[in-house]
Amino acid sequence: MKIMNRQERGKRDRVLSELMGRKDHPTAEELYLALREKGEEISLATVYRALRSLAEEGLVATLPIAPADRFDPVTEPHYHFHCLGCNRVSDLDFPYKPELDRAIEGLGFSVHHHTLVFHGLCPACQERGRHA
């Protein structure tokens, strides 16, 4: 693990603080723009480094949703819904199914956890008549 200086730690902490205040599963670029809007002197590369470090430490979760990874301050296992109309990512109030891990382990794999993202249209986009 890389040892960070005080300035790097401070920027990493500001990235984490910005993410903790959000529920929209932002991309690194969205976090960067929000921080810059608040007057933070931070580069996009620094935001990416901070998010990678936070994810490695288990403080944030990474959601690989094309075209750009999203980041989640909630690290407990849970499921997501990605709207193909508005591109929003939402947490689902649906119980995590550890039995899926055990089913895969029954095939000889060692499972640490699983992620599940449903893709489709949210109620608002369906109402607007959007199509995926």
N, C-alpha and C. Protein backbone atom coordinates (compact mmCIF):
# COMPACT_ATOMS: atom_id res chain seq x y z
N MET A 1 0.84 -1.17 0.00
CA MET A 1 0.00 0.00 0.00
C MET A 1 0.89 1.24 0.00
N LYS A 2 0.53 2.22 -0.82
CA LYS A 2 1.30 3.44 -0.95
C LYS A 2 1.08 4.34 0.26
N ILE A 3 2.15 4.93 0.74
CA ILE A 3 2.05 5.86 1.86
C ILE A 3 1.73 7.24 1.28
N MET A 4 0.67 7.86 1.80
CA MET A 4 0.24 9.16 1.30
C MET A 4 0.74 10.27 2.21
N ASN A 5 1.06 11.39 1.59
CA ASN A 5 1.42 12.55 2.39
C ASN A 5 0.13 13.23 2.88
N ARG A 6 0.27 14.22 3.72
CA ARG A 6 -0.88 14.90 4.34
C ARG A 6 -1.80 15.52 3.28
N GLN A 7 -1.21 16.12 2.26
CA GLN A 7 -2.01 16.76 1.21
C GLN A 7 -2.84 15.73 0.43
N GLU A 8 -2.20 14.61 0.08
CA GLU A 8 -2.92 13.54 -0.63
C GLU A 8 -4.04 12.97 0.23
N ARG A 9 -3.76 12.76 1.52
CA ARG A 9 -4.79 12.25 2.45
C ARG A 9 -5.95 13.22 2.55
N GLY A 10 -5.63 14.51 2.60
CA GLY A 10 -6.67 15.53 2.69
C GLY A 10 -7.57 15.51 1.47
N LYS A 11 -6.98 15.38 0.29
CA LYS A 11 -7.78 15.34 -0.94
C LYS A 11 -8.60 14.05 -0.99
N ARG A 12 -8.00 12.95 -0.59
CA ARG A 12 -8.72 11.69 -0.56
C ARG A 12 -9.91 11.78 0.40
N ASP A 13 -9.70 12.42 1.54
CA ASP A 13 -10.77 12.58 2.52
C ASP A 13 -11.89 13.47 1.98
N ARG A 14 -11.53 14.49 1.18
CA ARG A 14 -12.55 15.35 0.59
C ARG A 14 -13.35 14.60 -0.47
N VAL A 15 -12.70 13.73 -1.22
CA VAL A 15 -13.41 12.90 -2.20
C VAL A 15 -14.38 11.99 -1.47
N LEU A 16 -13.91 11.36 -0.39
CA LEU A 16 -14.78 10.47 0.38
C LEU A 16 -15.95 11.24 0.97
N SER A 17 -15.70 12.41 1.52
CA SER A 17 -16.75 13.23 2.11
C SER A 17 -17.80 13.61 1.06
N GLU A 18 -17.35 13.97 -0.12
CA GLU A 18 -18.29 14.32 -1.20
C GLU A 18 -19.13 13.11 -1.59
N LEU A 19 -18.51 11.96 -1.68
CA LEU A 19 -19.24 10.74 -2.05
C LEU A 19 -20.23 10.35 -0.96
N MET A 20 -19.83 10.47 0.31
CA MET A 20 -20.71 10.07 1.41
C MET A 20 -21.99 10.88 1.44
N GLY A 21 -21.96 12.07 0.93
CA GLY A 21 -23.14 12.92 0.93
C GLY A 21 -24.07 12.67 -0.24
N ARG A 22 -23.79 11.63 -1.03
CA ARG A 22 -24.58 11.41 -2.25
C ARG A 22 -25.18 10.02 -2.28
N LYS A 23 -26.30 9.91 -2.97
CA LYS A 23 -26.96 8.62 -3.14
C LYS A 23 -27.14 8.28 -4.62
N ASP A 24 -26.52 9.07 -5.50
CA ASP A 24 -26.73 8.90 -6.94
C ASP A 24 -25.66 8.06 -7.63
N HIS A 25 -24.75 7.47 -6.88
CA HIS A 25 -23.73 6.60 -7.45
C HIS A 25 -22.96 7.33 -8.57
N PRO A 26 -22.28 8.43 -8.22
CA PRO A 26 -21.61 9.24 -9.24
C PRO A 26 -20.40 8.57 -9.86
N THR A 27 -20.03 9.09 -11.02
CA THR A 27 -18.78 8.69 -11.67
C THR A 27 -17.66 9.54 -11.06
N ALA A 28 -16.43 9.19 -11.36
CA ALA A 28 -15.29 9.99 -10.89
C ALA A 28 -15.38 11.40 -11.45
N GLU A 29 -15.79 11.52 -12.69
CA GLU A 29 -15.89 12.85 -13.30
C GLU A 29 -16.97 13.69 -12.62
N GLU A 30 -18.09 13.09 -12.27
CA GLU A 30 -19.15 13.82 -11.57
C GLU A 30 -18.67 14.30 -10.20
N LEU A 31 -17.91 13.46 -9.50
CA LEU A 31 -17.35 13.86 -8.21
C LEU A 31 -16.35 15.00 -8.40
N TYR A 32 -15.51 14.87 -9.41
CA TYR A 32 -14.52 15.91 -9.72
C TYR A 32 -15.22 17.25 -9.96
N LEU A 33 -16.27 17.24 -10.80
CA LEU A 33 -16.98 18.49 -11.12
C LEU A 33 -17.65 19.08 -9.88
N ALA A 34 -18.22 18.23 -9.03
CA ALA A 34 -18.86 18.71 -7.80
C ALA A 34 -17.83 19.34 -6.86
N LEU A 35 -16.67 18.72 -6.75
CA LEU A 35 -15.62 19.26 -5.89
C LEU A 35 -15.09 20.59 -6.43
N ARG A 36 -14.89 20.66 -7.74
CA ARG A 36 -14.40 21.90 -8.36
C ARG A 36 -15.42 23.02 -8.16
N GLU A 37 -16.72 22.67 -8.28
CA GLU A 37 -17.79 23.65 -8.08
C GLU A 37 -17.76 24.22 -6.66
N LYS A 38 -17.30 23.41 -5.73
CA LYS A 38 -17.20 23.84 -4.33
C LYS A 38 -15.88 24.56 -4.04
N GLY A 39 -15.08 24.77 -5.09
CA GLY A 39 -13.84 25.51 -4.93
C GLY A 39 -12.62 24.67 -4.61
N GLU A 40 -12.76 23.35 -4.64
CA GLU A 40 -11.62 22.47 -4.36
C GLU A 40 -10.62 22.54 -5.51
N GLU A 41 -9.36 22.64 -5.17
CA GLU A 41 -8.29 22.58 -6.17
C GLU A 41 -7.85 21.13 -6.24
N ILE A 42 -8.43 20.40 -7.17
CA ILE A 42 -8.18 18.97 -7.29
C ILE A 42 -8.25 18.59 -8.76
N SER A 43 -7.43 17.64 -9.17
CA SER A 43 -7.45 17.20 -10.56
C SER A 43 -8.30 15.94 -10.70
N LEU A 44 -8.73 15.68 -11.92
CA LEU A 44 -9.49 14.47 -12.18
C LEU A 44 -8.65 13.23 -11.87
N ALA A 45 -7.36 13.29 -12.19
CA ALA A 45 -6.46 12.16 -11.89
C ALA A 45 -6.39 11.89 -10.39
N THR A 46 -6.39 12.94 -9.59
CA THR A 46 -6.36 12.79 -8.13
C THR A 46 -7.65 12.14 -7.64
N VAL A 47 -8.78 12.53 -8.22
CA VAL A 47 -10.06 11.92 -7.85
C VAL A 47 -10.04 10.43 -8.17
N TYR A 48 -9.55 10.07 -9.36
CA TYR A 48 -9.45 8.65 -9.72
C TYR A 48 -8.54 7.90 -8.75
N ARG A 49 -7.39 8.47 -8.41
CA ARG A 49 -6.46 7.82 -7.47
C ARG A 49 -7.11 7.66 -6.10
N ALA A 50 -7.80 8.69 -5.66
CA ALA A 50 -8.46 8.64 -4.35
C ALA A 50 -9.53 7.55 -4.34
N LEU A 51 -10.33 7.47 -5.38
CA LEU A 51 -11.39 6.46 -5.44
C LEU A 51 -10.80 5.05 -5.48
N ARG A 52 -9.73 4.88 -6.23
CA ARG A 52 -9.09 3.57 -6.29
C ARG A 52 -8.57 3.17 -4.91
N SER A 53 -7.94 4.11 -4.22
CA SER A 53 -7.43 3.85 -2.88
C SER A 53 -8.57 3.53 -1.91
N LEU A 54 -9.64 4.30 -1.96
CA LEU A 54 -10.79 4.08 -1.08
C LEU A 54 -11.44 2.72 -1.36
N ALA A 55 -11.51 2.35 -2.62
CA ALA A 55 -12.09 1.04 -2.97
C ALA A 55 -11.20 -0.09 -2.48
N GLU A 56 -9.88 0.06 -2.63
CA GLU A 56 -8.94 -0.96 -2.15
C GLU A 56 -9.05 -1.15 -0.64
N GLU A 57 -9.35 -0.08 0.07
CA GLU A 57 -9.49 -0.15 1.53
C GLU A 57 -10.88 -0.59 1.95
N GLY A 58 -11.77 -0.78 0.99
CA GLY A 58 -13.12 -1.22 1.31
C GLY A 58 -14.02 -0.13 1.85
N LEU A 59 -13.64 1.12 1.63
CA LEU A 59 -14.44 2.25 2.13
C LEU A 59 -15.51 2.70 1.14
N VAL A 60 -15.35 2.34 -0.12
CA VAL A 60 -16.36 2.61 -1.15
C VAL A 60 -16.46 1.38 -2.04
N ALA A 61 -17.59 1.26 -2.70
CA ALA A 61 -17.79 0.16 -3.65
C ALA A 61 -17.74 0.73 -5.07
N THR A 62 -17.19 -0.05 -5.98
CA THR A 62 -17.13 0.33 -7.38
C THR A 62 -18.18 -0.46 -8.14
N LEU A 63 -18.97 0.25 -8.94
CA LEU A 63 -19.99 -0.40 -9.77
C LEU A 63 -19.56 -0.26 -11.23
N PRO A 64 -19.14 -1.36 -11.84
CA PRO A 64 -18.70 -1.27 -13.24
C PRO A 64 -19.91 -1.22 -14.19
N ILE A 65 -20.37 -0.01 -14.46
CA ILE A 65 -21.50 0.20 -15.35
C ILE A 65 -21.03 1.09 -16.49
N ALA A 66 -21.09 0.56 -17.72
CA ALA A 66 -20.62 1.31 -18.89
C ALA A 66 -21.44 2.58 -19.07
N PRO A 67 -20.86 3.66 -19.49
CA PRO A 67 -19.50 3.76 -20.02
C PRO A 67 -18.45 4.09 -18.96
N ALA A 68 -18.87 4.39 -17.71
CA ALA A 68 -17.89 4.75 -16.68
C ALA A 68 -18.28 4.12 -15.35
N ASP A 69 -17.28 3.67 -14.60
CA ASP A 69 -17.55 3.12 -13.27
C ASP A 69 -18.29 4.14 -12.43
N ARG A 70 -19.16 3.63 -11.56
CA ARG A 70 -19.88 4.46 -10.59
C ARG A 70 -19.35 4.08 -9.21
N PHE A 71 -19.54 4.97 -8.25
CA PHE A 71 -19.01 4.73 -6.91
C PHE A 71 -20.13 4.87 -5.89
N ASP A 72 -20.09 3.98 -4.90
CA ASP A 72 -21.15 3.87 -3.91
C ASP A 72 -20.55 3.93 -2.52
N PRO A 73 -21.04 4.83 -1.65
CA PRO A 73 -20.52 4.87 -0.30
C PRO A 73 -21.03 3.72 0.58
N VAL A 74 -22.04 3.01 0.10
CA VAL A 74 -22.60 1.88 0.86
C VAL A 74 -21.81 0.63 0.44
N THR A 75 -21.09 0.06 1.39
CA THR A 75 -20.24 -1.09 1.05
C THR A 75 -20.84 -2.42 1.44
N GLU A 76 -21.95 -2.41 2.19
CA GLU A 76 -22.60 -3.68 2.51
C GLU A 76 -23.20 -4.23 1.21
N PRO A 77 -23.23 -5.56 1.08
CA PRO A 77 -23.78 -6.13 -0.15
C PRO A 77 -25.24 -5.72 -0.37
N HIS A 78 -25.52 -5.21 -1.55
CA HIS A 78 -26.88 -4.85 -1.95
C HIS A 78 -26.95 -4.77 -3.47
N TYR A 79 -28.15 -4.66 -3.99
CA TYR A 79 -28.36 -4.68 -5.43
C TYR A 79 -28.70 -3.28 -5.95
N HIS A 80 -28.54 -3.14 -7.27
CA HIS A 80 -28.76 -1.85 -7.92
C HIS A 80 -29.63 -2.00 -9.16
N PHE A 81 -30.23 -0.87 -9.56
CA PHE A 81 -30.97 -0.79 -10.81
C PHE A 81 -30.38 0.36 -11.62
N HIS A 82 -30.03 0.07 -12.87
CA HIS A 82 -29.48 1.08 -13.79
C HIS A 82 -30.52 1.36 -14.85
N CYS A 83 -31.00 2.61 -14.90
CA CYS A 83 -31.99 2.98 -15.89
C CYS A 83 -31.30 3.31 -17.21
N LEU A 84 -31.72 2.63 -18.24
CA LEU A 84 -31.14 2.85 -19.57
C LEU A 84 -31.69 4.11 -20.23
N GLY A 85 -32.75 4.67 -19.65
CA GLY A 85 -33.31 5.90 -20.18
C GLY A 85 -32.60 7.14 -19.66
N CYS A 86 -32.56 7.28 -18.35
CA CYS A 86 -31.96 8.48 -17.73
C CYS A 86 -30.55 8.23 -17.20
N ASN A 87 -30.09 6.99 -17.23
CA ASN A 87 -28.75 6.59 -16.79
C ASN A 87 -28.55 6.67 -15.28
N ARG A 88 -29.62 6.82 -14.51
CA ARG A 88 -29.50 6.84 -13.05
C ARG A 88 -29.25 5.43 -12.53
N VAL A 89 -28.55 5.36 -11.39
CA VAL A 89 -28.33 4.10 -10.70
C VAL A 89 -28.94 4.24 -9.31
N SER A 90 -29.79 3.29 -8.95
CA SER A 90 -30.50 3.34 -7.67
C SER A 90 -30.21 2.09 -6.86
N ASP A 91 -30.17 2.26 -5.54
CA ASP A 91 -30.12 1.11 -4.65
C ASP A 91 -31.49 0.46 -4.65
N LEU A 92 -31.51 -0.86 -4.57
CA LEU A 92 -32.77 -1.58 -4.49
C LEU A 92 -32.98 -2.07 -3.06
N ASP A 93 -34.17 -1.87 -2.56
CA ASP A 93 -34.54 -2.37 -1.25
C ASP A 93 -34.99 -3.82 -1.43
N PHE A 94 -34.00 -4.67 -1.61
CA PHE A 94 -34.23 -6.08 -1.92
C PHE A 94 -33.15 -6.86 -1.17
N PRO A 95 -33.51 -7.89 -0.44
CA PRO A 95 -32.50 -8.58 0.38
C PRO A 95 -31.41 -9.25 -0.46
N TYR A 96 -30.19 -9.09 0.03
CA TYR A 96 -29.02 -9.75 -0.58
C TYR A 96 -29.21 -11.26 -0.42
N LYS A 97 -28.86 -12.01 -1.45
CA LYS A 97 -29.08 -13.46 -1.46
C LYS A 97 -27.75 -14.21 -1.36
N PRO A 98 -27.27 -14.47 -0.13
CA PRO A 98 -26.00 -15.20 0.02
C PRO A 98 -26.10 -16.63 -0.52
N GLU A 99 -27.31 -17.15 -0.66
CA GLU A 99 -27.45 -18.51 -1.21
C GLU A 99 -26.96 -18.59 -2.65
N LEU A 100 -26.91 -17.46 -3.36
CA LEU A 100 -26.33 -17.46 -4.71
C LEU A 100 -24.83 -17.75 -4.63
N ASP A 101 -24.16 -17.20 -3.62
CA ASP A 101 -22.73 -17.48 -3.42
C ASP A 101 -22.53 -18.99 -3.21
N ARG A 102 -23.35 -19.55 -2.34
CA ARG A 102 -23.22 -20.99 -2.03
C ARG A 102 -23.50 -21.85 -3.26
N ALA A 103 -24.45 -21.45 -4.09
CA ALA A 103 -24.76 -22.22 -5.30
C ALA A 103 -23.55 -22.25 -6.24
N ILE A 104 -22.88 -21.12 -6.38
CA ILE A 104 -21.70 -21.06 -7.25
C ILE A 104 -20.55 -21.83 -6.62
N GLU A 105 -20.41 -21.76 -5.30
CA GLU A 105 -19.37 -22.53 -4.62
C GLU A 105 -19.59 -24.02 -4.82
N GLY A 106 -20.84 -24.43 -4.96
CA GLY A 106 -21.16 -25.83 -5.24
C GLY A 106 -20.60 -26.29 -6.57
N LEU A 107 -20.26 -25.35 -7.44
CA LEU A 107 -19.65 -25.67 -8.74
C LEU A 107 -18.13 -25.69 -8.65
N GLY A 108 -17.59 -25.47 -7.44
CA GLY A 108 -16.15 -25.54 -7.25
C GLY A 108 -15.44 -24.19 -7.18
N PHE A 109 -16.19 -23.10 -7.28
CA PHE A 109 -15.59 -21.77 -7.20
C PHE A 109 -15.55 -21.28 -5.76
N SER A 110 -14.63 -20.37 -5.47
CA SER A 110 -14.57 -19.73 -4.16
C SER A 110 -15.13 -18.32 -4.33
N VAL A 111 -16.28 -18.05 -3.74
CA VAL A 111 -16.95 -16.76 -3.92
C VAL A 111 -16.70 -15.88 -2.70
N HIS A 112 -16.29 -14.66 -2.94
CA HIS A 112 -16.09 -13.68 -1.87
C HIS A 112 -17.37 -12.86 -1.67
N HIS A 113 -18.02 -12.50 -2.75
CA HIS A 113 -19.30 -11.79 -2.75
C HIS A 113 -19.78 -11.70 -4.19
N HIS A 114 -20.98 -11.23 -4.39
CA HIS A 114 -21.44 -11.01 -5.75
C HIS A 114 -22.11 -9.65 -5.86
N THR A 115 -22.14 -9.14 -7.08
CA THR A 115 -22.84 -7.89 -7.35
C THR A 115 -23.91 -8.21 -8.39
N LEU A 116 -24.99 -7.48 -8.31
CA LEU A 116 -26.07 -7.69 -9.26
C LEU A 116 -26.66 -6.33 -9.59
N VAL A 117 -26.67 -6.02 -10.88
CA VAL A 117 -27.25 -4.77 -11.36
C VAL A 117 -28.31 -5.13 -12.38
N PHE A 118 -29.52 -4.67 -12.12
CA PHE A 118 -30.61 -4.84 -13.08
C PHE A 118 -30.57 -3.65 -14.03
N HIS A 119 -30.81 -3.88 -15.31
CA HIS A 119 -30.82 -2.82 -16.31
C HIS A 119 -32.20 -2.77 -16.96
N GLY A 120 -32.74 -1.59 -17.10
CA GLY A 120 -34.06 -1.43 -17.71
C GLY A 120 -34.49 0.01 -17.63
N LEU A 121 -35.78 0.24 -17.46
CA LEU A 121 -36.31 1.60 -17.38
C LEU A 121 -36.94 1.84 -16.01
N CYS A 122 -36.61 2.97 -15.41
CA CYS A 122 -37.20 3.34 -14.12
C CYS A 122 -38.65 3.77 -14.36
N PRO A 123 -39.44 3.86 -13.29
CA PRO A 123 -40.85 4.26 -13.46
C PRO A 123 -41.01 5.61 -14.17
N ALA A 124 -40.16 6.59 -13.85
CA ALA A 124 -40.27 7.92 -14.48
C ALA A 124 -40.03 7.84 -15.99
N CYS A 125 -39.04 7.08 -16.41
CA CYS A 125 -38.75 6.95 -17.85
C CYS A 125 -39.85 6.15 -18.55
N GLN A 126 -40.40 5.17 -17.88
CA GLN A 126 -41.52 4.44 -18.47
C GLN A 126 -42.71 5.36 -18.69
N GLU A 127 -42.95 6.23 -17.71
CA GLU A 127 -44.05 7.19 -17.80
C GLU A 127 -43.86 8.15 -18.98
N ARG A 128 -42.62 8.54 -19.22
CA ARG A 128 -42.32 9.45 -20.32
C ARG A 128 -42.30 8.75 -21.67
N GLY A 129 -42.48 7.44 -21.65
CA GLY A 129 -42.50 6.68 -22.90
C GLY A 129 -41.14 6.43 -23.50
N ARG A 130 -40.09 6.55 -22.68
CA ARG A 130 -38.74 6.27 -23.18
C ARG A 130 -38.58 4.78 -23.45
N HIS A 131 -37.68 4.49 -24.36
CA HIS A 131 -37.36 3.10 -24.69
C HIS A 131 -35.89 2.86 -24.48
N ALA A 132 -35.56 1.65 -24.08
CA ALA A 132 -34.16 1.29 -23.85
C ALA A 132 -33.46 1.00 -25.15
